[in-house]
PDB file of N, CA and C in Angstrom:
ATOM      1  N   MET A   1     -59.971  41.977 -17.744  1.00  0.00           N
ATOM      2  CA  MET A   1     -60.463  41.749 -16.408  1.00  0.00           C
ATOM      3  C   MET A   1     -61.419  40.557 -16.438  1.00  0.00           C
ATOM      4  N   ALA A   2     -61.182  39.597 -15.571  1.00  0.00           N
ATOM      5  CA  ALA A   2     -62.049  38.426 -15.445  1.00  0.00           C
ATOM      6  C   ALA A   2     -62.946  38.601 -14.227  1.00  0.00           C
ATOM      7  N   GLN A   3     -64.153  38.081 -14.326  1.00  0.00           N
ATOM      8  CA  GLN A   3     -65.093  38.083 -13.205  1.00  0.00           C
ATOM      9  C   GLN A   3     -65.568  36.657 -12.958  1.00  0.00           C
ATOM     10  N   ILE A   4     -65.533  36.259 -11.693  1.00  0.00           N
ATOM     11  CA  ILE A   4     -65.966  34.932 -11.291  1.00  0.00           C
ATOM     12  C   ILE A   4     -66.857  35.094 -10.065  1.00  0.00           C
ATOM     13  N   TYR A   5     -67.933  34.333 -10.013  1.00  0.00           N
ATOM     14  CA  TYR A   5     -68.810  34.370  -8.844  1.00  0.00           C
ATOM     15  C   TYR A   5     -68.218  33.524  -7.726  1.00  0.00           C
ATOM     16  N   ARG A   6     -68.298  34.021  -6.486  1.00  0.00           N
ATOM     17  CA  ARG A   6     -67.679  33.347  -5.341  1.00  0.00           C
ATOM     18  C   ARG A   6     -68.235  31.944  -5.105  1.00  0.00           C
ATOM     19  N   SER A   7     -69.477  31.693  -5.534  1.00  0.00           N
ATOM     20  CA  SER A   7     -70.079  30.378  -5.331  1.00  0.00           C
ATOM     21  C   SER A   7     -69.785  29.411  -6.477  1.00  0.00           C
ATOM     22  N   GLY A   8     -69.167  29.910  -7.543  1.00  0.00           N
ATOM     23  CA  GLY A   8     -68.842  29.070  -8.691  1.00  0.00           C
ATOM     24  C   GLY A   8     -67.388  28.637  -8.680  1.00  0.00           C
ATOM     25  N   THR A   9     -67.091  27.635  -9.474  1.00  0.00           N
ATOM     26  CA  THR A   9     -65.720  27.148  -9.653  1.00  0.00           C
ATOM     27  C   THR A   9     -65.461  27.068 -11.147  1.00  0.00           C
ATOM     28  N   GLU A  10     -64.392  27.711 -11.594  1.00  0.00           N
ATOM     29  CA  GLU A  10     -64.076  27.641 -13.022  1.00  0.00           C
ATOM     30  C   GLU A  10     -62.583  27.813 -13.257  1.00  0.00           C
ATOM     31  N   TYR A  11     -62.158  27.332 -14.426  1.00  0.00           N
ATOM     32  CA  TYR A  11     -60.757  27.469 -14.815  1.00  0.00           C
ATOM     33  C   TYR A  11     -60.504  28.871 -15.360  1.00  0.00           C
ATOM     34  N   LEU A  12     -59.357  29.406 -15.005  1.00  0.00           N
ATOM     35  CA  LEU A  12     -58.914  30.690 -15.529  1.00  0.00           C
ATOM     36  C   LEU A  12     -57.528  30.461 -16.130  1.00  0.00           C
ATOM     37  N   ALA A  13     -57.372  30.822 -17.395  1.00  0.00           N
ATOM     38  CA  ALA A  13     -56.103  30.623 -18.092  1.00  0.00           C
ATOM     39  C   ALA A  13     -55.526  31.973 -18.501  1.00  0.00           C
ATOM     40  N   ASN A  14     -54.219  32.098 -18.364  1.00  0.00           N
ATOM     41  CA  ASN A  14     -53.516  33.287 -18.817  1.00  0.00           C
ATOM     42  C   ASN A  14     -52.429  32.866 -19.782  1.00  0.00           C
ATOM     43  N   GLN A  15     -52.477  33.414 -20.989  1.00  0.00           N
ATOM     44  CA  GLN A  15     -51.484  33.082 -22.002  1.00  0.00           C
ATOM     45  C   GLN A  15     -50.216  33.897 -21.771  1.00  0.00           C
ATOM     46  N   VAL A  16     -49.091  33.216 -21.828  1.00  0.00           N
ATOM     47  CA  VAL A  16     -47.789  33.842 -21.647  1.00  0.00           C
ATOM     48  C   VAL A  16     -46.933  33.491 -22.857  1.00  0.00           C
ATOM     49  N   THR A  17     -46.220  34.472 -23.391  1.00  0.00           N
ATOM     50  CA  THR A  17     -45.328  34.245 -24.522  1.00  0.00           C
ATOM     51  C   THR A  17     -43.919  33.967 -24.001  1.00  0.00           C
ATOM     52  N   ILE A  18     -43.334  32.901 -24.488  1.00  0.00           N
ATOM     53  CA  ILE A  18     -41.966  32.547 -24.130  1.00  0.00           C
ATOM     54  C   ILE A  18     -41.037  33.330 -25.051  1.00  0.00           C
ATOM     55  N   THR A  19     -40.203  34.195 -24.467  1.00  0.00           N
ATOM     56  CA  THR A  19     -39.333  35.041 -25.289  1.00  0.00           C
ATOM     57  C   THR A  19     -37.925  34.478 -25.449  1.00  0.00           C
ATOM     58  N   ARG A  20     -37.534  33.564 -24.564  1.00  0.00           N
ATOM     59  CA  ARG A  20     -36.224  32.919 -24.648  1.00  0.00           C
ATOM     60  C   ARG A  20     -36.392  31.448 -24.322  1.00  0.00           C
ATOM     61  N   GLY A  21     -35.574  30.611 -24.902  1.00  0.00           N
ATOM     62  CA  GLY A  21     -35.639  29.196 -24.600  1.00  0.00           C
ATOM     63  C   GLY A  21     -36.864  28.544 -25.216  1.00  0.00           C
ATOM     64  N   THR A  22     -37.237  27.413 -24.639  1.00  0.00           N
ATOM     65  CA  THR A  22     -38.380  26.648 -25.150  1.00  0.00           C
ATOM     66  C   THR A  22     -39.321  26.307 -23.998  1.00  0.00           C
ATOM     67  N   ILE A  23     -40.474  25.794 -24.358  1.00  0.00           N
ATOM     68  CA  ILE A  23     -41.448  25.375 -23.351  1.00  0.00           C
ATOM     69  C   ILE A  23     -40.853  24.295 -22.454  1.00  0.00           C
ATOM     70  N   ALA A  24     -40.001  23.463 -23.002  1.00  0.00           N
ATOM     71  CA  ALA A  24     -39.374  22.387 -22.226  1.00  0.00           C
ATOM     72  C   ALA A  24     -38.504  22.930 -21.088  1.00  0.00           C
ATOM     73  N   ASP A  25     -38.085  24.201 -21.166  1.00  0.00           N
ATOM     74  CA  ASP A  25     -37.273  24.805 -20.107  1.00  0.00           C
ATOM     75  C   ASP A  25     -38.084  25.135 -18.854  1.00  0.00           C
ATOM     76  N   ILE A  26     -39.408  25.190 -18.971  1.00  0.00           N
ATOM     77  CA  ILE A  26     -40.258  25.544 -17.843  1.00  0.00           C
ATOM     78  C   ILE A  26     -40.379  24.349 -16.904  1.00  0.00           C
ATOM     79  N   THR A  27     -40.041  24.576 -15.629  1.00  0.00           N
ATOM     80  CA  THR A  27     -40.105  23.497 -14.640  1.00  0.00           C
ATOM     81  C   THR A  27     -41.371  23.563 -13.794  1.00  0.00           C
ATOM     82  N   ALA A  28     -41.980  24.752 -13.651  1.00  0.00           N
ATOM     83  CA  ALA A  28     -43.199  24.906 -12.855  1.00  0.00           C
ATOM     84  C   ALA A  28     -43.829  26.254 -13.158  1.00  0.00           C
ATOM     85  N   VAL A  29     -45.144  26.340 -12.911  1.00  0.00           N
ATOM     86  CA  VAL A  29     -45.857  27.612 -13.021  1.00  0.00           C
ATOM     87  C   VAL A  29     -46.761  27.761 -11.805  1.00  0.00           C
ATOM     88  N   GLY A  30     -47.059  29.022 -11.461  1.00  0.00           N
ATOM     89  CA  GLY A  30     -47.916  29.271 -10.318  1.00  0.00           C
ATOM     90  C   GLY A  30     -48.715  30.539 -10.493  1.00  0.00           C
ATOM     91  N   VAL A  31     -49.676  30.749  -9.583  1.00  0.00           N
ATOM     92  CA  VAL A  31     -50.481  31.968  -9.571  1.00  0.00           C
ATOM     93  C   VAL A  31     -50.505  32.541  -8.165  1.00  0.00           C
ATOM     94  N   HIS A  32     -50.698  33.850  -8.091  1.00  0.00           N
ATOM     95  CA  HIS A  32     -50.851  34.552  -6.818  1.00  0.00           C
ATOM     96  C   HIS A  32     -51.858  35.660  -7.031  1.00  0.00           C
ATOM     97  N   HIS A  33     -52.677  35.912  -6.019  1.00  0.00           N
ATOM     98  CA  HIS A  33     -53.690  36.961  -6.092  1.00  0.00           C
ATOM     99  C   HIS A  33     -53.502  37.898  -4.909  1.00  0.00           C
ATOM    100  N   ALA A  34     -53.444  39.201  -5.176  1.00  0.00           N
ATOM    101  CA  ALA A  34     -53.223  40.193  -4.125  1.00  0.00           C
ATOM    102  C   ALA A  34     -54.268  41.293  -4.237  1.00  0.00           C
ATOM    103  N   ILE A  35     -54.846  41.669  -3.104  1.00  0.00           N
ATOM    104  CA  ILE A  35     -55.813  42.783  -3.080  1.00  0.00           C
ATOM    105  C   ILE A  35     -55.068  44.110  -3.264  1.00  0.00           C
ATOM    106  N   ASN A  36     -53.915  44.243  -2.632  1.00  0.00           N
ATOM    107  CA  ASN A  36     -53.118  45.466  -2.706  1.00  0.00           C
ATOM    108  C   ASN A  36     -52.369  45.499  -4.045  1.00  0.00           C
ATOM    109  N   PRO A  37     -52.676  46.474  -4.918  1.00  0.00           N
ATOM    110  CA  PRO A  37     -52.004  46.514  -6.222  1.00  0.00           C
ATOM    111  C   PRO A  37     -50.516  46.841  -6.134  1.00  0.00           C
ATOM    112  N   ASN A  38     -50.058  47.303  -4.975  1.00  0.00           N
ATOM    113  CA  ASN A  38     -48.637  47.617  -4.801  1.00  0.00           C
ATOM    114  C   ASN A  38     -47.853  46.478  -4.165  1.00  0.00           C
ATOM    115  N   ALA A  39     -48.538  45.393  -3.813  1.00  0.00           N
ATOM    116  CA  ALA A  39     -47.863  44.251  -3.193  1.00  0.00           C
ATOM    117  C   ALA A  39     -47.110  43.474  -4.261  1.00  0.00           C
ATOM    118  N   ILE A  40     -45.844  43.239  -4.024  1.00  0.00           N
ATOM    119  CA  ILE A  40     -45.016  42.454  -4.941  1.00  0.00           C
ATOM    120  C   ILE A  40     -44.817  41.073  -4.305  1.00  0.00           C
ATOM    121  N   PRO A  41     -45.321  40.023  -4.933  1.00  0.00           N
ATOM    122  CA  PRO A  41     -45.236  38.696  -4.314  1.00  0.00           C
ATOM    123  C   PRO A  41     -43.832  38.104  -4.382  1.00  0.00           C
ATOM    124  N   ASP A  42     -43.532  37.287  -3.380  1.00  0.00           N
ATOM    125  CA  ASP A  42     -42.323  36.471  -3.378  1.00  0.00           C
ATOM    126  C   ASP A  42     -42.645  35.134  -4.033  1.00  0.00           C
ATOM    127  N   VAL A  43     -41.645  34.421  -4.455  1.00  0.00           N
ATOM    128  CA  VAL A  43     -41.845  33.124  -5.101  1.00  0.00           C
ATOM    129  C   VAL A  43     -42.633  32.190  -4.184  1.00  0.00           C
ATOM    130  N   ASP A  44     -42.370  32.242  -2.876  1.00  0.00           N
ATOM    131  CA  ASP A  44     -43.058  31.362  -1.930  1.00  0.00           C
ATOM    132  C   ASP A  44     -44.549  31.677  -1.789  1.00  0.00           C
ATOM    133  N   ASP A  45     -45.006  32.835  -2.265  1.00  0.00           N
ATOM    134  CA  ASP A  45     -46.414  33.227  -2.179  1.00  0.00           C
ATOM    135  C   ASP A  45     -47.292  32.536  -3.225  1.00  0.00           C
ATOM    136  N   PHE A  46     -46.711  31.918  -4.216  1.00  0.00           N
ATOM    137  CA  PHE A  46     -47.458  31.375  -5.350  1.00  0.00           C
ATOM    138  C   PHE A  46     -48.011  29.981  -5.061  1.00  0.00           C
ATOM    139  N   THR A  47     -49.179  29.712  -5.625  1.00  0.00           N
ATOM    140  CA  THR A  47     -49.771  28.379  -5.632  1.00  0.00           C
ATOM    141  C   THR A  47     -49.416  27.748  -6.965  1.00  0.00           C
ATOM    142  N   MET A  48     -48.807  26.580  -6.928  1.00  0.00           N
ATOM    143  CA  MET A  48     -48.389  25.932  -8.162  1.00  0.00           C
ATOM    144  C   MET A  48     -49.614  25.334  -8.861  1.00  0.00           C
ATOM    145  N   VAL A  49     -49.674  25.550 -10.190  1.00  0.00           N
ATOM    146  CA  VAL A  49     -50.825  25.135 -10.991  1.00  0.00           C
ATOM    147  C   VAL A  49     -50.347  24.459 -12.272  1.00  0.00           C
ATOM    148  N   GLN A  50     -51.254  24.296 -13.232  1.00  0.00           N
ATOM    149  CA  GLN A  50     -50.963  23.574 -14.475  1.00  0.00           C
ATOM    150  C   GLN A  50     -50.385  24.473 -15.557  1.00  0.00           C
ATOM    151  N   LEU A  51     -49.495  23.902 -16.339  1.00  0.00           N
ATOM    152  CA  LEU A  51     -48.983  24.515 -17.554  1.00  0.00           C
ATOM    153  C   LEU A  51     -49.623  23.784 -18.723  1.00  0.00           C
ATOM    154  N   VAL A  52     -50.234  24.534 -19.628  1.00  0.00           N
ATOM    155  CA  VAL A  52     -50.817  23.955 -20.836  1.00  0.00           C
ATOM    156  C   VAL A  52     -50.002  24.496 -22.000  1.00  0.00           C
ATOM    157  N   ASP A  53     -49.280  23.600 -22.670  1.00  0.00           N
ATOM    158  CA  ASP A  53     -48.336  24.067 -23.683  1.00  0.00           C
ATOM    159  C   ASP A  53     -48.741  23.785 -25.120  1.00  0.00           C
ATOM    160  N   GLY A  54     -49.887  23.166 -25.336  1.00  0.00           N
ATOM    161  CA  GLY A  54     -50.346  22.942 -26.701  1.00  0.00           C
ATOM    162  C   GLY A  54     -49.642  21.824 -27.433  1.00  0.00           C
ATOM    163  N   THR A  55     -48.749  21.092 -26.752  1.00  0.00           N
ATOM    164  CA  THR A  55     -48.039  20.002 -27.426  1.00  0.00           C
ATOM    165  C   THR A  55     -48.629  18.641 -27.090  1.00  0.00           C
ATOM    166  N   ALA A  56     -49.717  18.621 -26.325  1.00  0.00           N
ATOM    167  CA  ALA A  56     -50.333  17.355 -25.953  1.00  0.00           C
ATOM    168  C   ALA A  56     -50.946  16.692 -27.184  1.00  0.00           C
ATOM    169  N   GLU A  57     -51.133  15.410 -27.111  1.00  0.00           N
ATOM    170  CA  GLU A  57     -51.786  14.663 -28.193  1.00  0.00           C
ATOM    171  C   GLU A  57     -53.265  14.548 -27.906  1.00  0.00           C
ATOM    172  N   PRO A  58     -54.185  14.804 -28.807  1.00  0.00           N
ATOM    173  CA  PRO A  58     -53.885  15.376 -30.116  1.00  0.00           C
ATOM    174  C   PRO A  58     -53.520  16.852 -29.980  1.00  0.00           C
ATOM    175  N   PRO A  59     -52.728  17.377 -30.895  1.00  0.00           N
ATOM    176  CA  PRO A  59     -52.304  18.768 -30.785  1.00  0.00           C
ATOM    177  C   PRO A  59     -53.472  19.742 -30.933  1.00  0.00           C
ATOM    178  N   ASP A  60     -53.373  20.861 -30.253  1.00  0.00           N
ATOM    179  CA  ASP A  60     -54.384  21.910 -30.328  1.00  0.00           C
ATOM    180  C   ASP A  60     -54.143  22.716 -31.601  1.00  0.00           C
ATOM    181  N   PRO A  61     -55.100  22.739 -32.527  1.00  0.00           N
ATOM    182  CA  PRO A  61     -54.884  23.468 -33.786  1.00  0.00           C
ATOM    183  C   PRO A  61     -54.783  24.984 -33.595  1.00  0.00           C
ATOM    184  N   LEU A  62     -55.220  25.485 -32.437  1.00  0.00           N
ATOM    185  CA  LEU A  62     -55.153  26.925 -32.182  1.00  0.00           C
ATOM    186  C   LEU A  62     -53.903  27.332 -31.415  1.00  0.00           C
ATOM    187  N   ALA A  63     -53.097  26.361 -30.971  1.00  0.00           N
ATOM    188  CA  ALA A  63     -51.888  26.674 -30.208  1.00  0.00           C
ATOM    189  C   ALA A  63     -50.891  27.429 -31.084  1.00  0.00           C
ATOM    190  N   GLU A  64     -50.264  28.436 -30.500  1.00  0.00           N
ATOM    191  CA  GLU A  64     -49.272  29.224 -31.215  1.00  0.00           C
ATOM    192  C   GLU A  64     -47.883  28.912 -30.671  1.00  0.00           C
ATOM    193  N   ALA A  65     -46.901  28.891 -31.528  1.00  0.00           N
ATOM    194  CA  ALA A  65     -45.530  28.625 -31.115  1.00  0.00           C
ATOM    195  C   ALA A  65     -45.080  29.662 -30.103  1.00  0.00           C
ATOM    196  N   GLY A  66     -44.437  29.200 -29.035  1.00  0.00           N
ATOM    197  CA  GLY A  66     -43.900  30.101 -28.030  1.00  0.00           C
ATOM    198  C   GLY A  66     -44.915  30.624 -27.042  1.00  0.00           C
ATOM    199  N   LYS A  67     -46.148  30.163 -27.109  1.00  0.00           N
ATOM    200  CA  LYS A  67     -47.184  30.624 -26.187  1.00  0.00           C
ATOM    201  C   LYS A  67     -47.676  29.448 -25.346  1.00  0.00           C
ATOM    202  N   VAL A  68     -47.821  29.705 -24.042  1.00  0.00           N
ATOM    203  CA  VAL A  68     -48.330  28.694 -23.126  1.00  0.00           C
ATOM    204  C   VAL A  68     -49.437  29.324 -22.283  1.00  0.00           C
ATOM    205  N   ASP A  69     -50.258  28.475 -21.691  1.00  0.00           N
ATOM    206  CA  ASP A  69     -51.292  28.937 -20.775  1.00  0.00           C
ATOM    207  C   ASP A  69     -50.972  28.471 -19.368  1.00  0.00           C
ATOM    208  N   VAL A  70     -51.080  29.397 -18.421  1.00  0.00           N
ATOM    209  CA  VAL A  70     -51.012  29.068 -17.007  1.00  0.00           C
ATOM    210  C   VAL A  70     -52.467  28.887 -16.585  1.00  0.00           C
ATOM    211  N   LEU A  71     -52.828  27.671 -16.210  1.00  0.00           N
ATOM    212  CA  LEU A  71     -54.214  27.301 -15.974  1.00  0.00           C
ATOM    213  C   LEU A  71     -54.435  26.992 -14.500  1.00  0.00           C
ATOM    214  N   SER A  72     -55.424  27.674 -13.895  1.00  0.00           N
ATOM    215  CA  SER A  72     -55.741  27.419 -12.488  1.00  0.00           C
ATOM    216  C   SER A  72     -57.243  27.316 -12.316  1.00  0.00           C
ATOM    217  N   LEU A  73     -57.634  26.503 -11.348  1.00  0.00           N
ATOM    218  CA  LEU A  73     -59.038  26.325 -11.016  1.00  0.00           C
ATOM    219  C   LEU A  73     -59.345  27.224  -9.824  1.00  0.00           C
ATOM    220  N   ILE A  74     -60.263  28.179 -10.025  1.00  0.00           N
ATOM    221  CA  ILE A  74     -60.613  29.143  -8.996  1.00  0.00           C
ATOM    222  C   ILE A  74     -61.988  28.787  -8.452  1.00  0.00           C
ATOM    223  N   GLY A  75     -62.116  28.658  -7.146  1.00  0.00           N
ATOM    224  CA  GLY A  75     -63.428  28.438  -6.561  1.00  0.00           C
ATOM    225  C   GLY A  75     -63.456  27.381  -5.485  1.00  0.00           C
ATOM    226  N   PRO A  76     -64.607  27.268  -4.814  1.00  0.00           N
ATOM    227  CA  PRO A  76     -64.709  26.436  -3.624  1.00  0.00           C
ATOM    228  C   PRO A  76     -64.785  24.926  -3.870  1.00  0.00           C
ATOM    229  N   ARG A  77     -65.090  24.483  -5.065  1.00  0.00           N
ATOM    230  CA  ARG A  77     -65.204  23.037  -5.298  1.00  0.00           C
ATOM    231  C   ARG A  77     -63.876  22.503  -5.808  1.00  0.00           C
ATOM    232  N   ASP A  78     -63.011  22.116  -4.884  1.00  0.00           N
ATOM    233  CA  ASP A  78     -61.692  21.555  -5.205  1.00  0.00           C
ATOM    234  C   ASP A  78     -60.834  22.496  -6.033  1.00  0.00           C
ATOM    235  N   GLY A  79     -60.991  23.809  -5.831  1.00  0.00           N
ATOM    236  CA  GLY A  79     -60.195  24.781  -6.570  1.00  0.00           C
ATOM    237  C   GLY A  79     -58.755  24.829  -6.090  1.00  0.00           C
ATOM    238  N   ASP A  80     -57.853  25.223  -6.994  1.00  0.00           N
ATOM    239  CA  ASP A  80     -56.466  25.470  -6.605  1.00  0.00           C
ATOM    240  C   ASP A  80     -56.402  26.649  -5.640  1.00  0.00           C
ATOM    241  N   VAL A  81     -57.298  27.626  -5.868  1.00  0.00           N
ATOM    242  CA  VAL A  81     -57.348  28.861  -5.085  1.00  0.00           C
ATOM    243  C   VAL A  81     -58.812  29.181  -4.797  1.00  0.00           C
ATOM    244  N   VAL A  82     -59.120  29.539  -3.544  1.00  0.00           N
ATOM    245  CA  VAL A  82     -60.456  29.986  -3.149  1.00  0.00           C
ATOM    246  C   VAL A  82     -60.301  31.410  -2.632  1.00  0.00           C
ATOM    247  N   LEU A  83     -61.052  32.352  -3.230  1.00  0.00           N
ATOM    248  CA  LEU A  83     -60.924  33.767  -2.889  1.00  0.00           C
ATOM    249  C   LEU A  83     -62.255  34.328  -2.394  1.00  0.00           C
ATOM    250  N   THR A  84     -62.178  35.287  -1.475  1.00  0.00           N
ATOM    251  CA  THR A  84     -63.363  35.991  -1.012  1.00  0.00           C
ATOM    252  C   THR A  84     -63.681  37.109  -2.002  1.00  0.00           C
ATOM    253  N   PRO A  85     -64.898  37.663  -1.975  1.00  0.00           N
ATOM    254  CA  PRO A  85     -65.236  38.725  -2.920  1.00  0.00           C
ATOM    255  C   PRO A  85     -64.276  39.915  -2.843  1.00  0.00           C
ATOM    256  N   GLY A  86     -63.961  40.469  -4.012  1.00  0.00           N
ATOM    257  CA  GLY A  86     -63.064  41.619  -4.094  1.00  0.00           C
ATOM    258  C   GLY A  86     -62.340  41.635  -5.423  1.00  0.00           C
ATOM    259  N   ASP A  87     -61.504  42.667  -5.596  1.00  0.00           N
ATOM    260  CA  ASP A  87     -60.678  42.808  -6.794  1.00  0.00           C
ATOM    261  C   ASP A  87     -59.255  42.387  -6.454  1.00  0.00           C
ATOM    262  N   TYR A  88     -58.693  41.514  -7.265  1.00  0.00           N
ATOM    263  CA  TYR A  88     -57.361  40.961  -7.028  1.00  0.00           C
ATOM    264  C   TYR A  88     -56.451  41.215  -8.219  1.00  0.00           C
ATOM    265  N   GLN A  89     -55.210  41.581  -7.936  1.00  0.00           N
ATOM    266  CA  GLN A  89     -54.170  41.589  -8.952  1.00  0.00           C
ATOM    267  C   GLN A  89     -53.761  40.132  -9.137  1.00  0.00           C
ATOM    268  N   ARG A  90     -53.738  39.669 -10.377  1.00  0.00           N
ATOM    269  CA  ARG A  90     -53.367  38.274 -10.652  1.00  0.00           C
ATOM    270  C   ARG A  90     -51.952  38.251 -11.209  1.00  0.00           C
ATOM    271  N   TYR A  91     -51.097  37.494 -10.556  1.00  0.00           N
ATOM    272  CA  TYR A  91     -49.710  37.328 -10.971  1.00  0.00           C
ATOM    273  C   TYR A  91     -49.493  35.888 -11.391  1.00  0.00           C
ATOM    274  N   VAL A  92     -48.586  35.676 -12.343  1.00  0.00           N
ATOM    275  CA  VAL A  92     -48.157  34.323 -12.690  1.00  0.00           C
ATOM    276  C   VAL A  92     -46.662  34.204 -12.457  1.00  0.00           C
ATOM    277  N   LEU A  93     -46.261  33.000 -12.117  1.00  0.00           N
ATOM    278  CA  LEU A  93     -44.862  32.646 -11.912  1.00  0.00           C
ATOM    279  C   LEU A  93     -44.508  31.601 -12.945  1.00  0.00           C
ATOM    280  N   ILE A  94     -43.397  31.820 -13.654  1.00  0.00           N
ATOM    281  CA  ILE A  94     -42.868  30.838 -14.585  1.00  0.00           C
ATOM    282  C   ILE A  94     -41.454  30.517 -14.106  1.00  0.00           C
ATOM    283  N   GLN A  95     -41.234  29.274 -13.724  1.00  0.00           N
ATOM    284  CA  GLN A  95     -39.922  28.879 -13.223  1.00  0.00           C
ATOM    285  C   GLN A  95     -39.188  28.032 -14.253  1.00  0.00           C
ATOM    286  N   THR A  96     -37.891  28.321 -14.374  1.00  0.00           N
ATOM    287  CA  THR A  96     -36.973  27.489 -15.153  1.00  0.00           C
ATOM    288  C   THR A  96     -35.843  27.100 -14.219  1.00  0.00           C
ATOM    289  N   ALA A  97     -34.865  26.403 -14.731  1.00  0.00           N
ATOM    290  CA  ALA A  97     -33.728  26.014 -13.899  1.00  0.00           C
ATOM    291  C   ALA A  97     -32.974  27.226 -13.368  1.00  0.00           C
ATOM    292  N   THR A  98     -33.037  28.362 -14.076  1.00  0.00           N
ATOM    293  CA  THR A  98     -32.239  29.531 -13.686  1.00  0.00           C
ATOM    294  C   THR A  98     -33.049  30.790 -13.400  1.00  0.00           C
ATOM    295  N   GLU A  99     -34.373  30.772 -13.642  1.00  0.00           N
ATOM    296  CA  GLU A  99     -35.167  31.990 -13.491  1.00  0.00           C
ATOM    297  C   GLU A  99     -36.454  31.732 -12.710  1.00  0.00           C
ATOM    298  N   ASP A 100     -36.884  32.756 -11.988  1.00  0.00           N
ATOM    299  CA  ASP A 100     -38.207  32.828 -11.376  1.00  0.00           C
ATOM    300  C   ASP A 100     -38.863  34.065 -11.961  1.00  0.00           C
ATOM    301  N   ILE A 101     -39.602  33.907 -13.045  1.00  0.00           N
ATOM    302  CA  ILE A 101     -40.202  35.039 -13.755  1.00  0.00           C
ATOM    303  C   ILE A 101     -41.572  35.311 -13.142  1.00  0.00           C
ATOM    304  N   ILE A 102     -41.779  36.543 -12.682  1.00  0.00           N
ATOM    305  CA  ILE A 102     -43.051  36.950 -12.094  1.00  0.00           C
ATOM    306  C   ILE A 102     -43.635  38.050 -12.959  1.00  0.00           C
ATOM    307  N   ARG A 103     -44.893  37.848 -13.378  1.00  0.00           N
ATOM    308  CA  ARG A 103     -45.561  38.849 -14.216  1.00  0.00           C
ATOM    309  C   ARG A 103     -46.948  39.148 -13.650  1.00  0.00           C
ATOM    310  N   ARG A 104     -47.279  40.456 -13.560  1.00  0.00           N
ATOM    311  CA  ARG A 104     -48.647  40.828 -13.220  1.00  0.00           C
ATOM    312  C   ARG A 104     -49.445  40.739 -14.521  1.00  0.00           C
ATOM    313  N   ILE A 105     -50.512  39.964 -14.479  1.00  0.00           N
ATOM    314  CA  ILE A 105     -51.234  39.620 -15.699  1.00  0.00           C
ATOM    315  C   ILE A 105     -52.528  40.395 -15.860  1.00  0.00           C
ATOM    316  N   ASP A 106     -53.350  40.436 -14.822  1.00  0.00           N
ATOM    317  CA  ASP A 106     -54.716  40.898 -14.995  1.00  0.00           C
ATOM    318  C   ASP A 106     -55.300  41.254 -13.645  1.00  0.00           C
ATOM    319  N   VAL A 107     -56.517  41.771 -13.673  1.00  0.00           N
ATOM    320  CA  VAL A 107     -57.308  41.978 -12.463  1.00  0.00           C
ATOM    321  C   VAL A 107     -58.432  40.956 -12.493  1.00  0.00           C
ATOM    322  N   LEU A 108     -58.592  40.247 -11.386  1.00  0.00           N
ATOM    323  CA  LEU A 108     -59.652  39.257 -11.226  1.00  0.00           C
ATOM    324  C   LEU A 108     -60.629  39.790 -10.197  1.00  0.00           C
ATOM    325  N   THR A 109     -61.913  39.827 -10.562  1.00  0.00           N
ATOM    326  CA  THR A 109     -62.952  40.257  -9.632  1.00  0.00           C
ATOM    327  C   THR A 109     -63.766  39.051  -9.213  1.00  0.00           C
ATOM    328  N   ILE A 110     -63.855  38.854  -7.904  1.00  0.00           N
ATOM    329  CA  ILE A 110     -64.711  37.809  -7.344  1.00  0.00           C
ATOM    330  C   ILE A 110     -65.980  38.502  -6.850  1.00  0.00           C
ATOM    331  N   LEU A 111     -67.115  38.105  -7.394  1.00  0.00           N
ATOM    332  CA  LEU A 111     -68.409  38.718  -7.052  1.00  0.00           C
ATOM    333  C   LEU A 111     -69.153  37.894  -6.013  1.00  0.00           C
TER     334      LEU A 111
END
């Protein structure tokens, strides 16, 4: 569970393991936050964000093969997503040419 203050802005990363294919197969990633834990998001509900794959130069010595980070900036100062206080289910979207993979990742609390 991550906690972020509503007046602050910070990056939140979620590591995802690629079980088939390669990182190069990923065409886009996104995040969605829902207050209702039973709400299942549609692909159109996601905000597209950054993919960090560990292959950038210089390489990250801590990067693991088959693992990527979905990175989003949360908060009011030029954030990808601005949320009001509450508990949110955090979902990530991983898109390839043939798949729209949606995973519920964590609970995010905005204080």
